[in-house]
């Protein structure tokens, strides 16, 4: 279903009515959705779809998902909440998960922003670095050097020491 500009603008105006600072007022969302369904204005299905999409995006962008390898204490939770509210400002919705595959540490996701301080991510990064190092070493061993640069391009200074030879020739010309 295609949503026209007028319908999109109407959904945006209704969405602004639901905002209470940076937070979405759930009671207002319910009331507006109920009124739209009761009155059934023109293109009400598209209006509800656009409106619910905006609400869903706002809630997702203000939802903090905190994953830890072990259950967190209330003190740790309150410390994390205070730091996240100081960083992102306003009200956040929290979802706490225990994920044993992290091994240790915490992974925090707020909207699209991810902060991964888990041991699993560090191990994965080290493994990726080791793979790239091992593949680059095998590539360099397989290439034979014929006096040209690695790129294989024959340019003005393509031979090793080519620039030095040109510099020496230029110095000889100027010395004469």
Protein backbone atom coordinates (compact mmCIF):
# COMPACT_ATOMS: atom_id res chain seq x y z
CA UNK A 1 0.00 0.00 0.00
CA UNK A 2 1.41 3.35 -1.05
CA UNK A 3 1.27 6.16 1.47
CA UNK A 4 0.74 9.64 0.03
CA UNK A 5 2.37 12.84 1.23
CA UNK A 6 -0.80 14.13 2.87
CA UNK A 7 -1.28 10.89 4.78
CA UNK A 8 2.39 10.87 5.80
CA UNK A 9 2.16 14.48 7.03
CA UNK A 10 -1.01 13.69 9.00
CA UNK A 11 0.71 10.68 10.60
CA UNK A 12 3.69 12.88 11.48
CA UNK A 13 1.43 15.47 13.15
CA UNK A 14 -0.34 12.75 15.15
CA UNK A 15 3.00 11.28 16.14
CA UNK A 16 4.22 14.64 17.45
CA UNK A 17 1.13 14.76 19.68
CA UNK A 18 2.23 11.46 21.23
CA UNK A 19 5.69 12.66 22.17
CA UNK A 20 6.36 13.75 25.73
CA UNK A 21 9.83 15.26 25.43
CA UNK A 22 12.00 12.41 24.11
CA UNK A 23 9.64 9.65 25.24
CA UNK A 24 6.55 8.23 23.58
CA UNK A 25 3.41 8.56 25.74
CA UNK A 26 1.80 5.14 25.43
CA UNK A 27 -1.64 6.31 26.57
CA UNK A 28 -1.71 8.97 23.84
CA UNK A 29 -0.66 6.40 21.21
CA UNK A 30 -3.50 4.10 22.24
CA UNK A 31 -6.02 6.95 22.27
CA UNK A 32 -5.01 8.23 18.81
CA UNK A 33 -5.00 4.73 17.30
CA UNK A 34 -8.43 4.06 18.82
CA UNK A 35 -9.88 7.35 17.48
CA UNK A 36 -8.52 6.67 13.98
CA UNK A 37 -10.05 3.18 14.01
CA UNK A 38 -13.42 4.52 15.24
CA UNK A 39 -13.74 7.47 12.86
CA UNK A 40 -12.16 5.74 9.84
CA UNK A 41 -11.07 8.86 7.91
CA UNK A 42 -10.08 8.63 4.26
CA UNK A 43 -6.96 6.40 3.84
CA UNK A 44 -7.20 5.40 7.50
CA UNK A 45 -5.35 2.09 6.88
CA UNK A 46 -2.39 3.93 5.37
CA UNK A 47 -2.57 6.52 8.15
CA UNK A 48 -2.48 3.81 10.84
CA UNK A 49 0.40 2.06 9.07
CA UNK A 50 2.48 5.25 8.84
CA UNK A 51 1.63 6.26 12.41
CA UNK A 52 2.47 2.83 13.85
CA UNK A 53 5.73 2.76 11.88
CA UNK A 54 6.79 6.07 13.41
CA UNK A 55 5.86 4.94 16.91
CA UNK A 56 7.69 1.64 16.43
CA UNK A 57 10.83 3.41 15.22
CA UNK A 58 10.75 5.86 18.14
CA UNK A 59 10.37 3.05 20.67
CA UNK A 60 13.17 0.99 19.06
CA UNK A 61 15.53 3.96 19.02
CA UNK A 62 14.87 4.54 22.73
CA UNK A 63 15.15 0.87 23.75
CA UNK A 64 18.35 -0.24 25.45
CA UNK A 65 19.07 -3.96 25.21
CA UNK A 66 21.69 -4.99 27.75
CA UNK A 67 23.14 -8.47 27.42
CA UNK A 68 25.50 -9.94 29.98
CA UNK A 69 27.07 -13.34 30.51
CA UNK A 70 25.74 -13.58 34.07
CA UNK A 71 22.72 -11.93 35.76
CA UNK A 72 23.52 -8.37 36.86
CA UNK A 73 22.95 -7.13 40.39
CA UNK A 74 20.60 -4.23 41.06
CA UNK A 75 23.59 -2.00 41.79
CA UNK A 76 25.16 -2.83 38.40
CA UNK A 77 21.85 -2.29 36.65
CA UNK A 78 21.30 1.11 38.25
CA UNK A 79 24.87 2.15 37.37
CA UNK A 80 24.36 1.14 33.72
CA UNK A 81 20.98 2.92 33.63
CA UNK A 82 22.47 6.13 35.03
CA UNK A 83 25.31 6.14 32.47
CA UNK A 84 22.97 5.42 29.56
CA UNK A 85 20.51 8.14 30.59
CA UNK A 86 23.38 10.60 30.93
CA UNK A 87 24.65 9.69 27.46
CA UNK A 88 21.36 9.43 25.57
CA UNK A 89 19.28 11.79 27.70
CA UNK A 90 15.68 11.35 28.68
CA UNK A 91 13.72 8.18 29.15
CA UNK A 92 14.95 4.84 27.84
CA UNK A 93 13.16 1.51 27.79
CA UNK A 94 15.34 -1.29 29.18
CA UNK A 95 15.51 -4.93 28.20
CA UNK A 96 17.86 -7.09 30.27
CA UNK A 97 19.09 -10.41 28.84
CA UNK A 98 21.47 -13.10 30.05
CA UNK A 99 23.56 -14.43 27.16
CA UNK A 100 26.13 -17.06 28.31
CA UNK A 101 27.83 -17.11 24.88
CA UNK A 102 29.36 -13.68 25.68
CA UNK A 103 31.67 -15.50 28.16
CA UNK A 104 32.14 -12.32 30.22
CA UNK A 105 31.42 -8.61 29.93
CA UNK A 106 28.42 -6.67 28.68
CA UNK A 107 26.94 -5.84 25.26
CA UNK A 108 24.71 -2.75 25.11
CA UNK A 109 22.55 -1.74 22.15
CA UNK A 110 20.53 1.48 22.06
CA UNK A 111 18.76 1.84 18.72
CA UNK A 112 21.48 1.34 16.10
CA UNK A 113 24.34 2.16 18.48
CA UNK A 114 26.16 -0.94 19.79
CA UNK A 115 28.83 -1.01 22.51
CA UNK A 116 30.30 -4.49 22.80
CA UNK A 117 32.59 -5.05 25.77
CA UNK A 118 32.24 -8.82 25.83
CA UNK A 119 35.09 -11.31 25.82
CA UNK A 120 33.45 -13.11 22.88
CA UNK A 121 33.77 -10.00 20.66
CA UNK A 122 37.42 -9.55 21.64
CA UNK A 123 38.18 -13.16 20.78
CA UNK A 124 36.37 -12.78 17.45
CA UNK A 125 38.35 -9.60 16.62
CA UNK A 126 41.64 -11.31 17.46
CA UNK A 127 40.70 -14.31 15.31
CA UNK A 128 39.82 -12.00 12.40
CA UNK A 129 43.16 -10.17 12.75
CA UNK A 130 45.02 -13.48 12.81
CA UNK A 131 43.20 -14.62 9.65
CA UNK A 132 44.03 -11.40 7.79
CA UNK A 133 47.67 -11.58 8.86
CA UNK A 134 48.02 -15.20 7.81
CA UNK A 135 46.39 -14.60 4.41
CA UNK A 136 48.53 -11.52 3.71
CA UNK A 137 51.71 -13.45 4.54
CA UNK A 138 50.83 -16.32 2.25
CA UNK A 139 49.98 -13.89 -0.54
CA UNK A 140 53.32 -12.09 -0.20
CA UNK A 141 55.21 -15.41 -0.25
CA UNK A 142 53.44 -16.51 -3.41
CA UNK A 143 54.32 -13.35 -5.36
CA UNK A 144 57.71 -13.29 -7.04
CA UNK A 145 59.51 -10.01 -7.24
CA UNK A 146 61.03 -9.12 -10.61
CA UNK A 147 62.41 -5.75 -9.64
CA UNK A 148 59.05 -4.05 -10.08
CA UNK A 149 56.83 -2.65 -7.40
CA UNK A 150 54.20 -4.97 -5.90
CA UNK A 151 51.40 -3.26 -7.81
CA UNK A 152 52.91 -4.47 -11.06
CA UNK A 153 52.45 -1.07 -12.69
CA UNK A 154 55.26 0.19 -14.83
CA UNK A 155 55.29 3.86 -14.19
CA UNK A 156 57.96 6.49 -14.22
CA UNK A 157 59.61 5.08 -11.09
CA UNK A 158 58.60 1.45 -11.40
CA UNK A 159 62.06 -0.07 -11.02
CA UNK A 160 63.48 -0.32 -7.56
CA UNK A 161 65.89 2.52 -7.13
CA UNK A 162 64.52 4.24 -10.23
CA UNK A 163 63.98 7.56 -8.48
CA UNK A 164 67.52 7.57 -7.16
CA UNK A 165 68.92 7.01 -10.64
CA UNK A 166 66.89 9.88 -12.02
CA UNK A 167 68.00 12.12 -9.14
CA UNK A 168 71.65 11.25 -9.79
CA UNK A 169 71.27 11.99 -13.51
CA UNK A 170 69.64 15.34 -12.74
CA UNK A 171 72.46 16.22 -10.34
CA UNK A 172 75.06 15.39 -13.01
CA UNK A 173 73.31 17.60 -15.55
CA UNK A 174 73.18 20.52 -13.14
CA UNK A 175 76.80 20.01 -12.09
CA UNK A 176 78.01 20.37 -15.71
